All heavy atoms as atom14 arrays in JSON, in Angstrom:
{
  "sequence": "HFLPGYAPELNPVEFLWGWLKRHALANFCPDTFGDLQYTTRGKLKSA",
  "atom14_mask": [
    [1, 1, 1, 1, 1, 1, 1, 1, 1, 1, 0, 0, 0, 0],
    [1, 1, 1, 1, 1, 1, 1, 1, 1, 1, 1, 0, 0, 0],
    [1, 1, 1, 1, 1, 1, 1, 1, 0, 0, 0, 0, 0, 0],
    [1, 1, 1, 1, 1, 1, 1, 0, 0, 0, 0, 0, 0, 0],
    [1, 1, 1, 1, 0, 0, 0, 0, 0, 0, 0, 0, 0, 0],
    [1, 1, 1, 1, 1, 1, 1, 1, 1, 1, 1, 1, 0, 0],
    [1, 1, 1, 1, 1, 0, 0, 0, 0, 0, 0, 0, 0, 0],
    [1, 1, 1, 1, 1, 1, 1, 0, 0, 0, 0, 0, 0, 0],
    [1, 1, 1, 1, 1, 1, 1, 1, 1, 0, 0, 0, 0, 0],
    [1, 1, 1, 1, 1, 1, 1, 1, 0, 0, 0, 0, 0, 0],
    [1, 1, 1, 1, 1, 1, 1, 1, 0, 0, 0, 0, 0, 0],
    [1, 1, 1, 1, 1, 1, 1, 0, 0, 0, 0, 0, 0, 0],
    [1, 1, 1, 1, 1, 1, 1, 0, 0, 0, 0, 0, 0, 0],
    [1, 1, 1, 1, 1, 1, 1, 1, 1, 0, 0, 0, 0, 0],
    [1, 1, 1, 1, 1, 1, 1, 1, 1, 1, 1, 0, 0, 0],
    [1, 1, 1, 1, 1, 1, 1, 1, 0, 0, 0, 0, 0, 0],
    [1, 1, 1, 1, 1, 1, 1, 1, 1, 1, 1, 1, 1, 1],
    [1, 1, 1, 1, 0, 0, 0, 0, 0, 0, 0, 0, 0, 0],
    [1, 1, 1, 1, 1, 1, 1, 1, 1, 1, 1, 1, 1, 1],
    [1, 1, 1, 1, 1, 1, 1, 1, 0, 0, 0, 0, 0, 0],
    [1, 1, 1, 1, 1, 1, 1, 1, 1, 0, 0, 0, 0, 0],
    [1, 1, 1, 1, 1, 1, 1, 1, 1, 1, 1, 0, 0, 0],
    [1, 1, 1, 1, 1, 1, 1, 1, 1, 1, 0, 0, 0, 0],
    [1, 1, 1, 1, 1, 0, 0, 0, 0, 0, 0, 0, 0, 0],
    [1, 1, 1, 1, 1, 1, 1, 1, 0, 0, 0, 0, 0, 0],
    [1, 1, 1, 1, 1, 0, 0, 0, 0, 0, 0, 0, 0, 0],
    [1, 1, 1, 1, 1, 1, 1, 1, 0, 0, 0, 0, 0, 0],
    [1, 1, 1, 1, 1, 1, 1, 1, 1, 1, 1, 0, 0, 0],
    [1, 1, 1, 1, 1, 1, 0, 0, 0, 0, 0, 0, 0, 0],
    [1, 1, 1, 1, 1, 1, 1, 0, 0, 0, 0, 0, 0, 0],
    [1, 1, 1, 1, 1, 1, 1, 1, 0, 0, 0, 0, 0, 0],
    [1, 1, 1, 1, 1, 1, 1, 0, 0, 0, 0, 0, 0, 0],
    [1, 1, 1, 1, 1, 1, 1, 1, 1, 1, 1, 0, 0, 0],
    [1, 1, 1, 1, 0, 0, 0, 0, 0, 0, 0, 0, 0, 0],
    [1, 1, 1, 1, 1, 1, 1, 1, 0, 0, 0, 0, 0, 0],
    [1, 1, 1, 1, 1, 1, 1, 1, 0, 0, 0, 0, 0, 0],
    [1, 1, 1, 1, 1, 1, 1, 1, 1, 0, 0, 0, 0, 0],
    [1, 1, 1, 1, 1, 1, 1, 1, 1, 1, 1, 1, 0, 0],
    [1, 1, 1, 1, 1, 1, 1, 0, 0, 0, 0, 0, 0, 0],
    [1, 1, 1, 1, 1, 1, 1, 0, 0, 0, 0, 0, 0, 0],
    [1, 1, 1, 1, 1, 1, 1, 1, 1, 1, 1, 0, 0, 0],
    [1, 1, 1, 1, 0, 0, 0, 0, 0, 0, 0, 0, 0, 0],
    [1, 1, 1, 1, 1, 1, 1, 1, 1, 0, 0, 0, 0, 0],
    [1, 1, 1, 1, 1, 1, 1, 1, 0, 0, 0, 0, 0, 0],
    [1, 1, 1, 1, 1, 1, 1, 1, 1, 0, 0, 0, 0, 0],
    [1, 1, 1, 1, 1, 1, 0, 0, 0, 0, 0, 0, 0, 0],
    [1, 1, 1, 1, 1, 0, 0, 0, 0, 0, 0, 0, 0, 0]
  ],
  "atom14_positions": [
    [[1.18, -11.97, -7.11], [0.85, -10.65, -6.78], [1.93, -9.89, -6.38], [2.84, -10.36, -5.64], [-0.27, -10.69, -5.64], [-1.56, -11.35, -6.06], [-2.5, -10.56, -6.75], [-2.02, -12.53, -5.97], [-3.58, -11.37, -7.04], [-3.26, -12.47, -6.56], [0.0, 0.0, 0.0], [0.0, 0.0, 0.0], [0.0, 0.0, 0.0], [0.0, 0.0, 0.0]],
    [[2.08, -8.64, -6.78], [3.35, -7.78, -6.59], [3.02, -6.86, -5.36], [1.97, -6.24, -5.39], [3.74, -7.09, -7.85], [4.2, -8.07, -8.92], [3.25, -8.54, -9.82], [5.53, -8.41, -8.88], [3.76, -9.34, -10.92], [6.05, -9.31, -9.93], [5.09, -9.79, -10.8], [0.0, 0.0, 0.0], [0.0, 0.0, 0.0], [0.0, 0.0, 0.0]],
    [[4.0, -6.61, -4.62], [3.94, -5.69, -3.48], [4.19, -4.26, -4.21], [4.71, -4.1, -5.24], [5.08, -5.91, -2.52], [4.91, -7.2, -1.72], [6.19, -7.48, -0.92], [3.67, -7.17, -0.78], [0.0, 0.0, 0.0], [0.0, 0.0, 0.0], [0.0, 0.0, 0.0], [0.0, 0.0, 0.0], [0.0, 0.0, 0.0], [0.0, 0.0, 0.0]],
    [[3.77, -3.22, -3.61], [3.83, -1.89, -4.1], [5.4, -1.59, -4.1], [6.24, -2.06, -3.39], [3.26, -0.91, -3.12], [2.4, -1.84, -2.18], [2.92, -3.23, -2.36], [0.0, 0.0, 0.0], [0.0, 0.0, 0.0], [0.0, 0.0, 0.0], [0.0, 0.0, 0.0], [0.0, 0.0, 0.0], [0.0, 0.0, 0.0], [0.0, 0.0, 0.0]],
    [[5.74, -0.69, -5.2], [7.05, -0.38, -5.36], [7.74, 0.34, -3.98], [6.93, 1.17, -3.39], [0.0, 0.0, 0.0], [0.0, 0.0, 0.0], [0.0, 0.0, 0.0], [0.0, 0.0, 0.0], [0.0, 0.0, 0.0], [0.0, 0.0, 0.0], [0.0, 0.0, 0.0], [0.0, 0.0, 0.0], [0.0, 0.0, 0.0], [0.0, 0.0, 0.0]],
    [[9.02, 0.03, -3.81], [9.69, 0.72, -2.68], [8.88, 0.53, -1.35], [8.76, 1.48, -0.46], [9.79, 2.23, -2.9], [10.49, 2.58, -4.2], [9.86, 3.06, -5.24], [11.87, 2.27, -4.29], [10.52, 3.33, -6.43], [12.54, 2.49, -5.35], [11.95, 3.02, -6.58], [12.59, 3.3, -7.67], [0.0, 0.0, 0.0], [0.0, 0.0, 0.0]],
    [[8.57, -0.76, -1.11], [7.85, -1.05, 0.03], [8.38, -2.31, 0.71], [7.73, -3.34, 0.86], [6.29, -1.24, -0.12], [0.0, 0.0, 0.0], [0.0, 0.0, 0.0], [0.0, 0.0, 0.0], [0.0, 0.0, 0.0], [0.0, 0.0, 0.0], [0.0, 0.0, 0.0], [0.0, 0.0, 0.0], [0.0, 0.0, 0.0], [0.0, 0.0, 0.0]],
    [[9.75, -2.21, 1.04], [10.27, -3.45, 1.69], [9.69, -3.81, 2.99], [9.99, -4.97, 3.47], [11.81, -3.12, 1.74], [11.9, -1.67, 1.72], [10.71, -1.19, 0.91], [0.0, 0.0, 0.0], [0.0, 0.0, 0.0], [0.0, 0.0, 0.0], [0.0, 0.0, 0.0], [0.0, 0.0, 0.0], [0.0, 0.0, 0.0], [0.0, 0.0, 0.0]],
    [[9.14, -2.82, 3.66], [8.54, -3.11, 4.97], [7.36, -4.04, 4.96], [6.9, -4.48, 5.97], [8.15, -1.82, 5.69], [7.04, -0.93, 5.12], [7.45, -0.17, 3.85], [8.6, -0.13, 3.53], [6.59, 0.51, 3.39], [0.0, 0.0, 0.0], [0.0, 0.0, 0.0], [0.0, 0.0, 0.0], [0.0, 0.0, 0.0], [0.0, 0.0, 0.0]],
    [[6.83, -4.27, 3.76], [5.71, -5.18, 3.57], [6.24, -6.59, 3.21], [5.36, -7.52, 3.24], [4.77, -4.76, 2.39], [4.12, -3.4, 2.81], [3.28, -3.04, 1.51], [3.23, -3.47, 3.96], [0.0, 0.0, 0.0], [0.0, 0.0, 0.0], [0.0, 0.0, 0.0], [0.0, 0.0, 0.0], [0.0, 0.0, 0.0], [0.0, 0.0, 0.0]],
    [[7.41, -6.84, 2.89], [8.0, -8.08, 2.49], [8.63, -8.74, 3.68], [9.65, -8.44, 4.12], [9.05, -7.78, 1.36], [9.53, -9.09, 0.67], [9.28, -10.16, 1.12], [10.22, -8.98, -0.47], [0.0, 0.0, 0.0], [0.0, 0.0, 0.0], [0.0, 0.0, 0.0], [0.0, 0.0, 0.0], [0.0, 0.0, 0.0], [0.0, 0.0, 0.0]],
    [[8.09, -9.92, 4.13], [8.65, -10.66, 5.29], [10.03, -11.25, 4.96], [10.99, -11.38, 5.85], [7.75, -11.79, 5.55], [6.73, -11.83, 4.3], [6.79, -10.55, 3.67], [0.0, 0.0, 0.0], [0.0, 0.0, 0.0], [0.0, 0.0, 0.0], [0.0, 0.0, 0.0], [0.0, 0.0, 0.0], [0.0, 0.0, 0.0], [0.0, 0.0, 0.0]],
    [[10.37, -11.47, 3.69], [11.66, -11.91, 3.34], [12.63, -10.9, 3.6], [13.91, -11.3, 3.96], [11.66, -12.53, 1.86], [13.2, -12.95, 1.46], [10.8, -13.76, 1.81], [0.0, 0.0, 0.0], [0.0, 0.0, 0.0], [0.0, 0.0, 0.0], [0.0, 0.0, 0.0], [0.0, 0.0, 0.0], [0.0, 0.0, 0.0], [0.0, 0.0, 0.0]],
    [[12.33, -9.63, 3.39], [13.42, -8.57, 3.78], [13.8, -8.64, 5.17], [14.92, -8.38, 5.54], [12.74, -7.22, 3.36], [12.55, -7.03, 1.8], [13.9, -6.94, 1.09], [14.9, -6.61, 1.7], [13.85, -7.31, -0.05], [0.0, 0.0, 0.0], [0.0, 0.0, 0.0], [0.0, 0.0, 0.0], [0.0, 0.0, 0.0], [0.0, 0.0, 0.0]],
    [[12.87, -8.96, 6.04], [13.1, -9.0, 7.44], [14.03, -10.24, 7.77], [15.0, -10.24, 8.7], [11.88, -9.06, 8.28], [11.1, -7.78, 8.2], [9.95, -7.67, 7.5], [11.64, -6.62, 8.93], [9.31, -6.35, 7.39], [11.02, -5.47, 8.87], [9.71, -5.28, 8.06], [0.0, 0.0, 0.0], [0.0, 0.0, 0.0], [0.0, 0.0, 0.0]],
    [[13.84, -11.27, 7.01], [14.71, -12.49, 7.12], [16.17, -12.06, 6.72], [17.15, -12.48, 7.42], [14.2, -13.64, 6.26], [15.09, -14.89, 6.18], [15.08, -15.54, 7.59], [14.63, -15.88, 5.1], [0.0, 0.0, 0.0], [0.0, 0.0, 0.0], [0.0, 0.0, 0.0], [0.0, 0.0, 0.0], [0.0, 0.0, 0.0], [0.0, 0.0, 0.0]],
    [[16.37, -11.36, 5.56], [17.66, -10.91, 5.2], [18.28, -10.03, 6.26], [19.46, -10.06, 6.49], [17.56, -10.1, 3.81], [17.13, -10.92, 2.72], [16.53, -10.36, 1.56], [17.2, -12.28, 2.39], [16.19, -11.4, 0.6], [16.51, -12.5, 1.17], [17.6, -13.34, 3.13], [16.47, -13.79, 0.65], [17.44, -14.75, 2.6], [16.88, -14.86, 1.41]],
    [[17.45, -9.19, 6.91], [18.0, -8.3, 7.93], [18.4, -9.09, 9.09], [19.55, -8.8, 9.6], [0.0, 0.0, 0.0], [0.0, 0.0, 0.0], [0.0, 0.0, 0.0], [0.0, 0.0, 0.0], [0.0, 0.0, 0.0], [0.0, 0.0, 0.0], [0.0, 0.0, 0.0], [0.0, 0.0, 0.0], [0.0, 0.0, 0.0], [0.0, 0.0, 0.0]],
    [[17.72, -10.17, 9.52], [17.99, -11.06, 10.59], [19.47, -11.71, 10.27], [20.35, -11.79, 11.11], [17.04, -12.12, 10.89], [17.58, -13.17, 11.89], [17.62, -13.08, 13.17], [17.94, -14.4, 11.53], [18.08, -14.14, 13.66], [18.4, -15.1, 12.63], [18.21, -15.12, 10.23], [18.88, -16.38, 12.66], [18.68, -16.27, 10.22], [19.04, -16.91, 11.39]],
    [[19.52, -12.27, 9.05], [20.7, -12.86, 8.61], [21.89, -12.07, 8.56], [22.9, -12.42, 9.06], [20.47, -13.48, 7.16], [21.57, -14.31, 6.52], [21.75, -15.62, 7.2], [21.46, -14.48, 5.06], [0.0, 0.0, 0.0], [0.0, 0.0, 0.0], [0.0, 0.0, 0.0], [0.0, 0.0, 0.0], [0.0, 0.0, 0.0], [0.0, 0.0, 0.0]],
    [[21.81, -10.84, 8.1], [22.92, -9.97, 7.95], [23.34, -9.32, 9.39], [24.5, -9.19, 9.62], [22.65, -8.73, 7.08], [22.58, -9.25, 5.55], [22.09, -8.05, 4.73], [21.74, -8.47, 3.43], [21.37, -7.27, 2.53], [0.0, 0.0, 0.0], [0.0, 0.0, 0.0], [0.0, 0.0, 0.0], [0.0, 0.0, 0.0], [0.0, 0.0, 0.0]],
    [[22.37, -8.81, 10.14], [22.51, -8.27, 11.42], [22.79, -9.02, 12.61], [23.38, -8.66, 13.62], [21.5, -7.24, 11.62], [21.62, -6.08, 10.66], [20.47, -5.09, 10.87], [20.37, -4.23, 9.78], [19.61, -4.39, 8.66], [19.0, -5.45, 8.47], [19.52, -3.53, 7.7], [0.0, 0.0, 0.0], [0.0, 0.0, 0.0], [0.0, 0.0, 0.0]],
    [[22.33, -10.34, 12.61], [22.41, -11.19, 13.74], [23.23, -12.5, 13.38], [24.2, -12.82, 14.02], [21.04, -11.51, 14.26], [20.34, -10.33, 14.72], [20.54, -9.73, 15.93], [19.31, -9.57, 14.07], [19.73, -8.61, 16.07], [18.98, -8.59, 15.03], [0.0, 0.0, 0.0], [0.0, 0.0, 0.0], [0.0, 0.0, 0.0], [0.0, 0.0, 0.0]],
    [[22.78, -13.28, 12.43], [23.35, -14.59, 12.17], [24.77, -14.47, 11.61], [25.61, -15.28, 12.02], [22.33, -15.28, 11.16], [0.0, 0.0, 0.0], [0.0, 0.0, 0.0], [0.0, 0.0, 0.0], [0.0, 0.0, 0.0], [0.0, 0.0, 0.0], [0.0, 0.0, 0.0], [0.0, 0.0, 0.0], [0.0, 0.0, 0.0], [0.0, 0.0, 0.0]],
    [[24.92, -13.46, 10.79], [26.18, -13.4, 10.14], [26.99, -12.11, 10.56], [28.07, -11.76, 10.08], [26.18, -13.3, 8.6], [25.67, -14.47, 7.84], [25.53, -14.28, 6.5], [26.52, -15.72, 8.19], [0.0, 0.0, 0.0], [0.0, 0.0, 0.0], [0.0, 0.0, 0.0], [0.0, 0.0, 0.0], [0.0, 0.0, 0.0], [0.0, 0.0, 0.0]],
    [[26.52, -11.56, 11.63], [27.1, -10.27, 12.24], [28.57, -10.61, 12.62], [28.9, -11.7, 13.28], [26.44, -9.7, 13.36], [0.0, 0.0, 0.0], [0.0, 0.0, 0.0], [0.0, 0.0, 0.0], [0.0, 0.0, 0.0], [0.0, 0.0, 0.0], [0.0, 0.0, 0.0], [0.0, 0.0, 0.0], [0.0, 0.0, 0.0], [0.0, 0.0, 0.0]],
    [[29.62, -9.78, 12.2], [30.98, -10.08, 12.63], [31.66, -11.22, 12.06], [32.64, -11.76, 12.55], [31.15, -10.0, 14.09], [30.79, -8.51, 14.8], [31.05, -7.64, 14.04], [30.23, -8.68, 15.86], [0.0, 0.0, 0.0], [0.0, 0.0, 0.0], [0.0, 0.0, 0.0], [0.0, 0.0, 0.0], [0.0, 0.0, 0.0], [0.0, 0.0, 0.0]],
    [[30.94, -11.97, 11.07], [31.51, -13.15, 10.33], [32.31, -12.56, 9.26], [31.95, -11.88, 8.34], [30.41, -13.98, 9.9], [30.83, -15.16, 9.15], [31.65, -16.21, 9.68], [30.57, -15.16, 7.69], [32.12, -17.28, 9.02], [30.96, -16.35, 7.01], [31.72, -17.33, 7.69], [0.0, 0.0, 0.0], [0.0, 0.0, 0.0], [0.0, 0.0, 0.0]],
    [[33.57, -13.06, 9.19], [34.55, -12.59, 8.18], [35.17, -13.81, 7.59], [36.23, -14.26, 8.01], [35.63, -11.77, 8.87], [36.71, -11.03, 7.63], [0.0, 0.0, 0.0], [0.0, 0.0, 0.0], [0.0, 0.0, 0.0], [0.0, 0.0, 0.0], [0.0, 0.0, 0.0], [0.0, 0.0, 0.0], [0.0, 0.0, 0.0], [0.0, 0.0, 0.0]],
    [[34.52, -14.39, 6.53], [35.04, -15.6, 5.95], [36.33, -15.46, 5.15], [36.58, -14.34, 4.65], [33.88, -16.09, 4.99], [33.18, -14.84, 4.61], [33.35, -13.98, 5.81], [0.0, 0.0, 0.0], [0.0, 0.0, 0.0], [0.0, 0.0, 0.0], [0.0, 0.0, 0.0], [0.0, 0.0, 0.0], [0.0, 0.0, 0.0], [0.0, 0.0, 0.0]],
    [[37.18, -16.46, 5.0], [38.35, -16.43, 4.27], [38.06, -16.76, 2.85], [38.86, -16.35, 1.99], [39.37, -17.44, 4.91], [39.93, -16.98, 6.23], [40.09, -15.73, 6.38], [40.13, -17.8, 7.09], [0.0, 0.0, 0.0], [0.0, 0.0, 0.0], [0.0, 0.0, 0.0], [0.0, 0.0, 0.0], [0.0, 0.0, 0.0], [0.0, 0.0, 0.0]],
    [[37.11, -17.64, 2.57], [36.86, -18.0, 1.17], [35.32, -17.88, 0.9], [34.54, -17.83, 1.83], [37.18, -19.45, 0.91], [36.38, -20.32, 1.77], [38.67, -19.7, 1.34], [0.0, 0.0, 0.0], [0.0, 0.0, 0.0], [0.0, 0.0, 0.0], [0.0, 0.0, 0.0], [0.0, 0.0, 0.0], [0.0, 0.0, 0.0], [0.0, 0.0, 0.0]],
    [[35.05, -17.82, -0.41], [33.67, -17.86, -0.77], [32.89, -18.98, -0.39], [31.75, -18.99, 0.06], [33.63, -17.68, -2.34], [32.32, -17.34, -2.91], [31.61, -16.22, -2.64], [31.59, -18.33, -3.67], [30.34, -15.9, -3.05], [30.43, -18.07, -4.24], [29.71, -16.84, -3.99], [0.0, 0.0, 0.0], [0.0, 0.0, 0.0], [0.0, 0.0, 0.0]],
    [[33.53, -20.05, -0.36], [32.94, -21.44, 0.15], [32.63, -21.36, 1.56], [31.54, -21.91, 2.0], [0.0, 0.0, 0.0], [0.0, 0.0, 0.0], [0.0, 0.0, 0.0], [0.0, 0.0, 0.0], [0.0, 0.0, 0.0], [0.0, 0.0, 0.0], [0.0, 0.0, 0.0], [0.0, 0.0, 0.0], [0.0, 0.0, 0.0], [0.0, 0.0, 0.0]],
    [[33.41, -20.73, 2.43], [33.11, -20.53, 3.87], [31.78, -19.68, 3.99], [30.97, -19.89, 4.81], [34.22, -19.78, 4.56], [35.46, -20.65, 4.83], [35.24, -21.9, 4.6], [36.46, -20.08, 5.07], [0.0, 0.0, 0.0], [0.0, 0.0, 0.0], [0.0, 0.0, 0.0], [0.0, 0.0, 0.0], [0.0, 0.0, 0.0], [0.0, 0.0, 0.0]],
    [[31.69, -18.71, 3.15], [30.58, -17.87, 3.2], [29.25, -18.53, 2.83], [28.23, -18.47, 3.49], [30.73, -16.52, 2.21], [29.47, -15.65, 2.18], [29.28, -15.02, 3.5], [29.82, -14.55, 1.03], [0.0, 0.0, 0.0], [0.0, 0.0, 0.0], [0.0, 0.0, 0.0], [0.0, 0.0, 0.0], [0.0, 0.0, 0.0], [0.0, 0.0, 0.0]],
    [[29.35, -19.38, 1.83], [28.21, -20.22, 1.32], [27.83, -21.16, 2.37], [26.67, -21.27, 2.67], [28.51, -20.89, 0.04], [28.56, -20.03, -1.23], [28.88, -20.87, -2.46], [29.72, -21.61, -2.48], [28.0, -20.6, -3.52], [0.0, 0.0, 0.0], [0.0, 0.0, 0.0], [0.0, 0.0, 0.0], [0.0, 0.0, 0.0], [0.0, 0.0, 0.0]],
    [[28.77, -21.84, 2.96], [28.55, -22.97, 3.86], [27.91, -22.36, 5.07], [26.81, -22.85, 5.61], [29.86, -23.55, 4.31], [29.77, -24.72, 5.25], [29.24, -25.95, 4.91], [29.98, -24.35, 6.64], [29.04, -26.9, 5.8], [29.91, -25.37, 7.61], [29.45, -26.69, 7.23], [29.28, -27.62, 8.19], [0.0, 0.0, 0.0], [0.0, 0.0, 0.0]],
    [[28.52, -21.26, 5.67], [27.88, -20.64, 6.87], [26.5, -20.01, 6.68], [25.61, -20.22, 7.49], [28.86, -19.54, 7.33], [30.16, -20.22, 7.6], [28.29, -18.87, 8.71], [0.0, 0.0, 0.0], [0.0, 0.0, 0.0], [0.0, 0.0, 0.0], [0.0, 0.0, 0.0], [0.0, 0.0, 0.0], [0.0, 0.0, 0.0], [0.0, 0.0, 0.0]],
    [[26.3, -19.38, 5.46], [25.0, -18.75, 5.2], [24.0, -19.85, 5.12], [22.85, -19.72, 5.66], [25.14, -18.02, 3.89], [26.06, -16.94, 3.98], [23.76, -17.39, 3.47], [0.0, 0.0, 0.0], [0.0, 0.0, 0.0], [0.0, 0.0, 0.0], [0.0, 0.0, 0.0], [0.0, 0.0, 0.0], [0.0, 0.0, 0.0], [0.0, 0.0, 0.0]],
    [[24.31, -20.96, 4.33], [23.38, -22.1, 4.29], [22.99, -22.68, 5.64], [21.85, -22.93, 5.9], [23.91, -23.17, 3.4], [22.91, -24.29, 3.08], [23.6, -25.34, 2.23], [23.96, -24.83, 1.01], [23.26, -24.47, -0.02], [21.96, -24.62, 0.02], [23.74, -23.99, -1.28], [0.0, 0.0, 0.0], [0.0, 0.0, 0.0], [0.0, 0.0, 0.0]],
    [[24.01, -22.77, 6.47], [23.69, -23.34, 7.84], [22.88, -22.39, 8.65], [21.97, -22.87, 9.47], [0.0, 0.0, 0.0], [0.0, 0.0, 0.0], [0.0, 0.0, 0.0], [0.0, 0.0, 0.0], [0.0, 0.0, 0.0], [0.0, 0.0, 0.0], [0.0, 0.0, 0.0], [0.0, 0.0, 0.0], [0.0, 0.0, 0.0], [0.0, 0.0, 0.0]],
    [[23.06, -21.08, 8.61], [22.36, -20.04, 9.31], [20.85, -20.09, 8.8], [19.93, -20.01, 9.65], [22.88, -18.69, 9.32], [24.24, -18.65, 10.0], [24.24, -18.81, 11.34], [25.5, -18.66, 12.0], [25.63, -18.9, 13.47], [0.0, 0.0, 0.0], [0.0, 0.0, 0.0], [0.0, 0.0, 0.0], [0.0, 0.0, 0.0], [0.0, 0.0, 0.0]],
    [[20.61, -20.22, 7.51], [19.31, -20.26, 7.05], [18.58, -21.51, 7.41], [17.34, -21.54, 7.64], [19.29, -20.06, 5.54], [19.48, -18.53, 5.05], [19.8, -18.46, 3.54], [18.47, -17.65, 5.39], [0.0, 0.0, 0.0], [0.0, 0.0, 0.0], [0.0, 0.0, 0.0], [0.0, 0.0, 0.0], [0.0, 0.0, 0.0], [0.0, 0.0, 0.0]],
    [[19.36, -22.63, 7.4], [18.81, -23.88, 7.81], [18.27, -23.83, 9.39], [17.35, -24.36, 9.73], [19.66, -25.13, 7.61], [19.68, -25.45, 6.15], [20.55, -26.75, 5.88], [20.56, -27.1, 4.42], [21.17, -28.35, 4.23], [0.0, 0.0, 0.0], [0.0, 0.0, 0.0], [0.0, 0.0, 0.0], [0.0, 0.0, 0.0], [0.0, 0.0, 0.0]],
    [[19.1, -23.13, 10.14], [18.72, -22.89, 11.45], [17.46, -22.07, 11.64], [16.65, -22.37, 12.39], [19.89, -22.14, 12.2], [19.53, -21.81, 13.43], [0.0, 0.0, 0.0], [0.0, 0.0, 0.0], [0.0, 0.0, 0.0], [0.0, 0.0, 0.0], [0.0, 0.0, 0.0], [0.0, 0.0, 0.0], [0.0, 0.0, 0.0], [0.0, 0.0, 0.0]],
    [[17.36, -21.03, 10.67], [16.11, -20.23, 10.72], [14.86, -21.07, 10.33], [13.83, -20.88, 10.88], [16.26, -19.05, 9.88], [0.0, 0.0, 0.0], [0.0, 0.0, 0.0], [0.0, 0.0, 0.0], [0.0, 0.0, 0.0], [0.0, 0.0, 0.0], [0.0, 0.0, 0.0], [0.0, 0.0, 0.0], [0.0, 0.0, 0.0], [0.0, 0.0, 0.0]]
  ]
}
């Protein structure tokens, strides 16, 4: 079933992405792509 177009406010995963970007990874500045992957995976496992 598809959500209406242009309705991210109905998608709970969009709020997860918001939490990840604005809280879990806020001010995180990785040196390598591997660091980014590792930290992102860890934060999502925490969630």
